[in-house]
Amino acid sequence: MNPVKASVPERTTIYRFRHSGEDAVGYVLSKEIYRLRWQEGTVIGRCDCDDSGWRIFRTTRFGEKELGRITLEGVIHSHGLFEGGDLGWLEPDGTVFKGGYIFAEEEVGRVDGPQARAAAAALLLIFLPEEEEEDREAKRYV
């Protein structure tokens, strides 16, 4: 007799492609977005689904900010003031691409789990911009 498995939400892992391979940088569990550091998850945002797709929110000191959305077709759109517009897309196999219209297409990561759309949007709207900002800050002090 097989034990009945309780309904436990499954997490969707977010991987970032690097020259050295891929790193798990975060995950989506239920409607919360987590950053992974030292194998521990810290909530950094949330996602919300409506009829047109997933909306992505980033937690700030003073509340939260809506960063963008991913459509049901997998297109990721930013609400950014200066860099708003389509950022990339999610492929059916879980691969996340950045760019496409003006900039060259680039595979930046992949997602694995049931909430692939929300995780892909979190990768392009939260994880990549924060990583790019950290790189700019590091170069400023070199």
N, C-alpha and C. Protein backbone atom coordinates (compact mmCIF):
# COMPACT_ATOMS: atom_id res chain seq x y z
N MET A 1 0.83 -1.18 0.00
CA MET A 1 0.00 0.00 0.00
C MET A 1 0.88 1.25 0.00
N ASN A 2 0.60 2.16 -0.91
CA ASN A 2 1.36 3.40 -1.02
C ASN A 2 0.76 4.45 -0.10
N PRO A 3 1.61 5.14 0.64
CA PRO A 3 1.09 6.22 1.48
C PRO A 3 0.57 7.35 0.60
N VAL A 4 -0.48 8.00 1.04
CA VAL A 4 -1.03 9.13 0.30
C VAL A 4 -0.14 10.33 0.54
N LYS A 5 0.30 10.93 -0.55
CA LYS A 5 1.19 12.09 -0.45
C LYS A 5 0.36 13.34 -0.21
N ALA A 6 0.72 14.09 0.82
CA ALA A 6 0.02 15.34 1.13
C ALA A 6 0.28 16.34 0.03
N SER A 7 -0.63 17.23 -0.19
CA SER A 7 -0.49 18.26 -1.21
C SER A 7 0.49 19.33 -0.72
N VAL A 8 1.75 19.18 -1.11
CA VAL A 8 2.80 20.11 -0.72
C VAL A 8 3.20 20.90 -1.97
N PRO A 9 3.20 22.22 -1.90
CA PRO A 9 3.58 23.00 -3.08
C PRO A 9 5.01 22.66 -3.48
N GLU A 10 5.20 22.52 -4.77
CA GLU A 10 6.51 22.20 -5.30
C GLU A 10 7.22 23.49 -5.70
N ARG A 11 8.50 23.58 -5.40
CA ARG A 11 9.19 24.81 -5.74
C ARG A 11 9.76 24.74 -7.15
N THR A 12 9.87 25.89 -7.76
CA THR A 12 10.42 26.03 -9.10
C THR A 12 11.78 26.71 -8.95
N THR A 13 12.83 26.00 -9.30
CA THR A 13 14.19 26.50 -9.12
C THR A 13 14.60 27.38 -10.30
N ILE A 14 15.31 28.46 -9.99
CA ILE A 14 15.81 29.42 -10.98
C ILE A 14 17.32 29.24 -11.07
N TYR A 15 17.81 28.91 -12.27
CA TYR A 15 19.24 28.72 -12.51
C TYR A 15 19.77 29.83 -13.40
N ARG A 16 20.96 30.30 -13.08
CA ARG A 16 21.64 31.34 -13.87
C ARG A 16 22.81 30.68 -14.58
N PHE A 17 22.89 30.85 -15.92
CA PHE A 17 24.01 30.31 -16.68
C PHE A 17 25.22 31.21 -16.50
N ARG A 18 26.38 30.58 -16.27
CA ARG A 18 27.65 31.30 -16.13
C ARG A 18 28.70 30.57 -16.96
N HIS A 19 29.87 31.16 -17.12
CA HIS A 19 30.95 30.51 -17.88
C HIS A 19 31.35 29.20 -17.23
N SER A 20 31.23 29.11 -15.92
CA SER A 20 31.64 27.92 -15.18
C SER A 20 30.54 26.86 -15.09
N GLY A 21 29.36 27.15 -15.61
CA GLY A 21 28.24 26.22 -15.52
C GLY A 21 26.99 26.96 -15.11
N GLU A 22 26.11 26.29 -14.38
CA GLU A 22 24.90 26.96 -13.93
C GLU A 22 24.84 26.94 -12.41
N ASP A 23 24.26 28.00 -11.86
CA ASP A 23 24.09 28.14 -10.42
C ASP A 23 22.62 28.33 -10.11
N ALA A 24 22.14 27.66 -9.06
CA ALA A 24 20.80 27.93 -8.56
C ALA A 24 20.86 29.23 -7.79
N VAL A 25 20.10 30.25 -8.24
CA VAL A 25 20.14 31.56 -7.60
C VAL A 25 18.89 31.86 -6.79
N GLY A 26 17.82 31.11 -7.04
CA GLY A 26 16.59 31.36 -6.31
C GLY A 26 15.52 30.35 -6.67
N TYR A 27 14.32 30.61 -6.16
CA TYR A 27 13.20 29.73 -6.48
C TYR A 27 11.88 30.43 -6.20
N VAL A 28 10.82 29.88 -6.78
CA VAL A 28 9.46 30.34 -6.53
C VAL A 28 8.74 29.21 -5.81
N LEU A 29 8.10 29.55 -4.71
CA LEU A 29 7.34 28.58 -3.93
C LEU A 29 6.02 29.24 -3.58
N SER A 30 4.93 28.60 -3.97
CA SER A 30 3.59 29.20 -3.86
C SER A 30 3.62 30.50 -4.66
N LYS A 31 3.45 31.63 -4.03
CA LYS A 31 3.49 32.91 -4.76
C LYS A 31 4.65 33.79 -4.30
N GLU A 32 5.60 33.21 -3.59
CA GLU A 32 6.74 33.98 -3.10
C GLU A 32 8.00 33.65 -3.90
N ILE A 33 8.84 34.69 -4.09
CA ILE A 33 10.10 34.55 -4.79
C ILE A 33 11.21 34.62 -3.75
N TYR A 34 12.12 33.64 -3.80
CA TYR A 34 13.21 33.53 -2.83
C TYR A 34 14.56 33.65 -3.52
N ARG A 35 15.51 34.31 -2.83
CA ARG A 35 16.91 34.32 -3.26
C ARG A 35 17.62 33.23 -2.46
N LEU A 36 18.47 32.46 -3.14
CA LEU A 36 19.25 31.43 -2.47
C LEU A 36 20.63 31.96 -2.14
N ARG A 37 21.01 31.87 -0.88
CA ARG A 37 22.38 32.19 -0.45
C ARG A 37 22.76 31.17 0.59
N TRP A 38 23.87 30.50 0.36
CA TRP A 38 24.36 29.46 1.26
C TRP A 38 23.27 28.42 1.54
N GLN A 39 22.56 28.05 0.48
CA GLN A 39 21.50 27.03 0.52
C GLN A 39 20.27 27.44 1.34
N GLU A 40 20.18 28.69 1.75
CA GLU A 40 19.03 29.19 2.49
C GLU A 40 18.24 30.15 1.60
N GLY A 41 16.92 30.09 1.70
CA GLY A 41 16.07 30.96 0.91
C GLY A 41 15.60 32.16 1.72
N THR A 42 15.65 33.34 1.11
CA THR A 42 15.16 34.58 1.71
C THR A 42 14.14 35.18 0.75
N VAL A 43 12.96 35.53 1.25
CA VAL A 43 11.91 36.11 0.41
C VAL A 43 12.36 37.48 -0.08
N ILE A 44 12.28 37.68 -1.42
CA ILE A 44 12.65 38.97 -2.01
C ILE A 44 11.53 39.57 -2.85
N GLY A 45 10.46 38.81 -3.02
CA GLY A 45 9.35 39.31 -3.83
C GLY A 45 8.22 38.32 -3.88
N ARG A 46 7.27 38.62 -4.77
CA ARG A 46 6.14 37.72 -4.94
C ARG A 46 5.63 37.82 -6.36
N CYS A 47 4.78 36.89 -6.72
CA CYS A 47 4.16 36.90 -8.03
C CYS A 47 2.66 36.72 -7.87
N ASP A 48 1.93 37.23 -8.84
CA ASP A 48 0.48 37.18 -8.79
C ASP A 48 -0.01 36.88 -10.20
N CYS A 49 -0.95 35.96 -10.32
CA CYS A 49 -1.44 35.56 -11.63
C CYS A 49 -2.81 36.17 -11.90
N ASP A 50 -3.01 36.61 -13.15
CA ASP A 50 -4.33 37.05 -13.58
C ASP A 50 -4.60 36.46 -14.97
N ASP A 51 -5.62 36.93 -15.65
CA ASP A 51 -6.00 36.34 -16.94
C ASP A 51 -4.97 36.52 -18.04
N SER A 52 -4.08 37.49 -17.91
CA SER A 52 -3.10 37.75 -18.97
C SER A 52 -1.70 37.21 -18.67
N GLY A 53 -1.47 36.68 -17.48
CA GLY A 53 -0.16 36.14 -17.13
C GLY A 53 0.21 36.42 -15.69
N TRP A 54 1.51 36.37 -15.41
CA TRP A 54 2.03 36.59 -14.06
C TRP A 54 2.59 37.99 -13.93
N ARG A 55 2.30 38.65 -12.81
CA ARG A 55 2.90 39.94 -12.47
C ARG A 55 3.95 39.69 -11.40
N ILE A 56 5.09 40.39 -11.49
CA ILE A 56 6.22 40.19 -10.58
C ILE A 56 6.42 41.45 -9.73
N PHE A 57 6.50 41.24 -8.41
CA PHE A 57 6.68 42.33 -7.45
C PHE A 57 7.99 42.11 -6.69
N ARG A 58 8.73 43.19 -6.44
CA ARG A 58 9.97 43.15 -5.66
C ARG A 58 9.69 43.79 -4.31
N THR A 59 10.06 43.11 -3.24
CA THR A 59 9.92 43.66 -1.90
C THR A 59 10.96 44.75 -1.70
N THR A 60 10.53 45.90 -1.16
CA THR A 60 11.44 47.00 -0.85
C THR A 60 11.31 47.33 0.63
N ARG A 61 12.12 48.25 1.10
CA ARG A 61 12.04 48.67 2.50
C ARG A 61 10.68 49.24 2.85
N PHE A 62 10.03 49.84 1.88
CA PHE A 62 8.79 50.56 2.16
C PHE A 62 7.55 49.89 1.58
N GLY A 63 7.65 48.64 1.20
CA GLY A 63 6.50 47.94 0.63
C GLY A 63 6.94 47.04 -0.51
N GLU A 64 6.33 47.24 -1.67
CA GLU A 64 6.71 46.46 -2.83
C GLU A 64 6.50 47.27 -4.10
N LYS A 65 7.17 46.85 -5.17
CA LYS A 65 7.10 47.54 -6.44
C LYS A 65 6.85 46.52 -7.53
N GLU A 66 5.89 46.80 -8.41
CA GLU A 66 5.64 45.91 -9.54
C GLU A 66 6.69 46.19 -10.60
N LEU A 67 7.45 45.14 -10.99
CA LEU A 67 8.54 45.30 -11.94
C LEU A 67 8.14 45.00 -13.37
N GLY A 68 7.21 44.08 -13.54
CA GLY A 68 6.83 43.69 -14.88
C GLY A 68 5.95 42.46 -14.86
N ARG A 69 5.86 41.80 -16.03
CA ARG A 69 4.97 40.65 -16.14
C ARG A 69 5.49 39.69 -17.20
N ILE A 70 4.93 38.49 -17.20
CA ILE A 70 5.17 37.52 -18.26
C ILE A 70 3.81 37.09 -18.78
N THR A 71 3.67 37.10 -20.08
CA THR A 71 2.40 36.75 -20.70
C THR A 71 2.21 35.24 -20.69
N LEU A 72 1.02 34.81 -21.03
CA LEU A 72 0.75 33.38 -21.13
C LEU A 72 1.57 32.72 -22.24
N GLU A 73 2.02 33.51 -23.21
CA GLU A 73 2.86 33.00 -24.30
C GLU A 73 4.33 32.93 -23.91
N GLY A 74 4.70 33.48 -22.75
CA GLY A 74 6.07 33.41 -22.27
C GLY A 74 6.92 34.62 -22.54
N VAL A 75 6.34 35.73 -22.99
CA VAL A 75 7.10 36.96 -23.25
C VAL A 75 7.20 37.76 -21.96
N ILE A 76 8.42 38.16 -21.59
CA ILE A 76 8.66 38.88 -20.34
C ILE A 76 8.78 40.37 -20.66
N HIS A 77 7.97 41.17 -19.98
CA HIS A 77 7.88 42.61 -20.21
C HIS A 77 8.22 43.35 -18.92
N SER A 78 9.08 44.36 -19.03
CA SER A 78 9.46 45.20 -17.89
C SER A 78 8.65 46.48 -17.89
N HIS A 79 8.31 46.98 -16.70
CA HIS A 79 7.64 48.26 -16.56
C HIS A 79 8.65 49.39 -16.33
N GLY A 80 9.94 49.10 -16.46
CA GLY A 80 10.99 50.06 -16.16
C GLY A 80 10.80 51.40 -16.85
N LEU A 81 11.14 52.47 -16.14
CA LEU A 81 10.96 53.82 -16.65
C LEU A 81 11.80 54.07 -17.91
N PHE A 82 13.09 53.72 -17.88
CA PHE A 82 13.95 53.98 -19.02
C PHE A 82 14.21 52.74 -19.86
N GLU A 83 14.16 51.57 -19.26
CA GLU A 83 14.44 50.34 -19.99
C GLU A 83 13.20 49.45 -20.04
N GLY A 84 12.05 50.04 -20.09
CA GLY A 84 10.82 49.27 -20.16
C GLY A 84 10.66 48.62 -21.52
N GLY A 85 9.80 47.63 -21.58
CA GLY A 85 9.55 46.93 -22.83
C GLY A 85 9.83 45.45 -22.67
N ASP A 86 9.80 44.76 -23.79
CA ASP A 86 10.04 43.32 -23.77
C ASP A 86 11.52 43.03 -23.51
N LEU A 87 11.77 42.19 -22.50
CA LEU A 87 13.15 41.85 -22.13
C LEU A 87 13.61 40.53 -22.72
N GLY A 88 12.69 39.60 -22.87
CA GLY A 88 13.06 38.27 -23.32
C GLY A 88 11.88 37.34 -23.27
N TRP A 89 12.17 36.05 -23.21
CA TRP A 89 11.09 35.07 -23.22
C TRP A 89 11.52 33.74 -22.62
N LEU A 90 10.52 32.92 -22.37
CA LEU A 90 10.69 31.57 -21.82
C LEU A 90 10.40 30.56 -22.92
N GLU A 91 11.31 29.65 -23.15
CA GLU A 91 11.10 28.56 -24.10
C GLU A 91 10.34 27.42 -23.42
N PRO A 92 9.65 26.57 -24.17
CA PRO A 92 8.90 25.47 -23.57
C PRO A 92 9.76 24.50 -22.73
N ASP A 93 11.06 24.39 -23.04
CA ASP A 93 11.93 23.49 -22.27
C ASP A 93 12.46 24.11 -20.98
N GLY A 94 12.06 25.36 -20.68
CA GLY A 94 12.49 26.03 -19.45
C GLY A 94 13.66 26.97 -19.62
N THR A 95 14.23 27.07 -20.81
CA THR A 95 15.35 27.98 -21.06
C THR A 95 14.83 29.42 -21.13
N VAL A 96 15.57 30.34 -20.50
CA VAL A 96 15.20 31.75 -20.48
C VAL A 96 16.18 32.53 -21.35
N PHE A 97 15.63 33.31 -22.28
CA PHE A 97 16.42 34.13 -23.19
C PHE A 97 16.22 35.60 -22.86
N LYS A 98 17.30 36.37 -23.04
CA LYS A 98 17.26 37.83 -22.88
C LYS A 98 17.52 38.45 -24.24
N GLY A 99 16.86 39.58 -24.53
CA GLY A 99 17.10 40.31 -25.77
C GLY A 99 16.25 39.83 -26.91
N GLY A 100 16.72 40.12 -28.11
CA GLY A 100 16.02 39.64 -29.28
C GLY A 100 15.71 40.69 -30.31
N TYR A 101 15.20 41.87 -29.93
CA TYR A 101 14.83 42.88 -30.92
C TYR A 101 16.01 43.75 -31.31
N ILE A 102 16.63 44.39 -30.35
CA ILE A 102 17.75 45.28 -30.63
C ILE A 102 19.06 44.58 -30.30
N PHE A 103 19.11 43.92 -29.13
CA PHE A 103 20.33 43.25 -28.70
C PHE A 103 20.31 41.79 -29.15
N ALA A 104 21.47 41.20 -29.21
CA ALA A 104 21.56 39.79 -29.59
C ALA A 104 20.87 38.92 -28.55
N GLU A 105 20.28 37.84 -29.02
CA GLU A 105 19.65 36.89 -28.10
C GLU A 105 20.73 36.22 -27.27
N GLU A 106 20.41 35.99 -25.99
CA GLU A 106 21.38 35.36 -25.10
C GLU A 106 20.64 34.45 -24.13
N GLU A 107 21.09 33.20 -24.04
CA GLU A 107 20.55 32.28 -23.03
C GLU A 107 21.13 32.71 -21.69
N VAL A 108 20.28 33.07 -20.74
CA VAL A 108 20.77 33.56 -19.46
C VAL A 108 20.51 32.60 -18.31
N GLY A 109 19.63 31.64 -18.51
CA GLY A 109 19.34 30.70 -17.44
C GLY A 109 18.25 29.74 -17.83
N ARG A 110 17.79 29.02 -16.82
CA ARG A 110 16.68 28.10 -17.03
C ARG A 110 15.90 27.99 -15.73
N VAL A 111 14.70 27.47 -15.85
CA VAL A 111 13.84 27.26 -14.69
C VAL A 111 13.34 25.83 -14.73
N ASP A 112 13.10 25.29 -13.54
CA ASP A 112 12.66 23.90 -13.46
C ASP A 112 11.61 23.76 -12.37
N GLY A 113 10.37 23.51 -12.78
CA GLY A 113 9.29 23.33 -11.82
C GLY A 113 7.96 23.79 -12.39
N PRO A 114 6.92 23.70 -11.58
CA PRO A 114 5.57 23.98 -12.06
C PRO A 114 5.26 25.45 -12.33
N GLN A 115 5.98 26.38 -11.74
CA GLN A 115 5.72 27.81 -11.94
C GLN A 115 6.80 28.44 -12.81
N ALA A 116 7.02 27.81 -13.97
CA ALA A 116 8.10 28.23 -14.85
C ALA A 116 7.97 29.67 -15.31
N ARG A 117 6.75 30.11 -15.64
CA ARG A 117 6.59 31.49 -16.12
C ARG A 117 6.99 32.51 -15.06
N ALA A 118 6.50 32.33 -13.84
CA ALA A 118 6.83 33.27 -12.77
C ALA A 118 8.33 33.25 -12.48
N ALA A 119 8.94 32.08 -12.48
CA ALA A 119 10.37 31.97 -12.20
C ALA A 119 11.20 32.62 -13.30
N ALA A 120 10.82 32.43 -14.57
CA ALA A 120 11.54 33.04 -15.69
C ALA A 120 11.46 34.56 -15.61
N ALA A 121 10.28 35.07 -15.29
CA ALA A 121 10.12 36.52 -15.16
C ALA A 121 10.96 37.05 -14.00
N ALA A 122 11.01 36.32 -12.89
CA ALA A 122 11.84 36.74 -11.75
C ALA A 122 13.31 36.78 -12.13
N LEU A 123 13.76 35.83 -12.95
CA LEU A 123 15.15 35.82 -13.39
C LEU A 123 15.49 37.09 -14.16
N LEU A 124 14.64 37.47 -15.13
CA LEU A 124 14.94 38.65 -15.94
C LEU A 124 14.61 39.97 -15.26
N LEU A 125 13.64 39.98 -14.37
CA LEU A 125 13.21 41.24 -13.76
C LEU A 125 13.86 41.55 -12.42
N ILE A 126 14.34 40.51 -11.72
CA ILE A 126 14.95 40.73 -10.40
C ILE A 126 16.42 40.30 -10.39
N PHE A 127 16.68 39.03 -10.66
CA PHE A 127 18.02 38.49 -10.47
C PHE A 127 19.06 39.09 -11.42
N LEU A 128 18.78 39.17 -12.72
CA LEU A 128 19.76 39.72 -13.66
C LEU A 128 20.04 41.20 -13.42
N PRO A 129 19.02 42.05 -13.27
CA PRO A 129 19.32 43.47 -13.02
C PRO A 129 20.13 43.70 -11.74
N GLU A 130 19.83 42.95 -10.69
CA GLU A 130 20.59 43.12 -9.44
C GLU A 130 22.03 42.65 -9.61
N GLU A 131 22.23 41.57 -10.37
CA GLU A 131 23.59 41.09 -10.62
C GLU A 131 24.36 42.11 -11.46
N GLU A 132 23.72 42.69 -12.46
CA GLU A 132 24.37 43.70 -13.29
C GLU A 132 24.72 44.94 -12.47
N GLU A 133 23.85 45.32 -11.55
CA GLU A 133 24.12 46.47 -10.68
C GLU A 133 25.31 46.19 -9.75
N GLU A 134 25.39 44.98 -9.22
CA GLU A 134 26.53 44.61 -8.38
C GLU A 134 27.82 44.65 -9.17
N ASP A 135 27.79 44.20 -10.43
CA ASP A 135 28.97 44.26 -11.28
C ASP A 135 29.41 45.70 -11.54
N ARG A 136 28.43 46.59 -11.79
CA ARG A 136 28.76 48.01 -12.02
C ARG A 136 29.39 48.63 -10.77
N GLU A 137 28.84 48.31 -9.61
CA GLU A 137 29.37 48.83 -8.35
C GLU A 137 30.80 48.33 -8.12
N ALA A 138 31.02 47.06 -8.40
CA ALA A 138 32.37 46.48 -8.20
C ALA A 138 33.38 47.14 -9.12
N LYS A 139 33.00 47.42 -10.37
CA LYS A 139 33.91 48.06 -11.33
C LYS A 139 34.20 49.50 -10.95
N ARG A 140 33.25 50.15 -10.28
CA ARG A 140 33.43 51.54 -9.87
C ARG A 140 34.59 51.68 -8.88
N TYR A 141 34.80 50.67 -8.07
CA TYR A 141 35.82 50.74 -7.02
C TYR A 141 37.11 50.04 -7.38
N VAL A 142 37.29 49.72 -8.65
CA VAL A 142 38.53 49.06 -9.08
C VAL A 142 39.51 50.08 -9.57
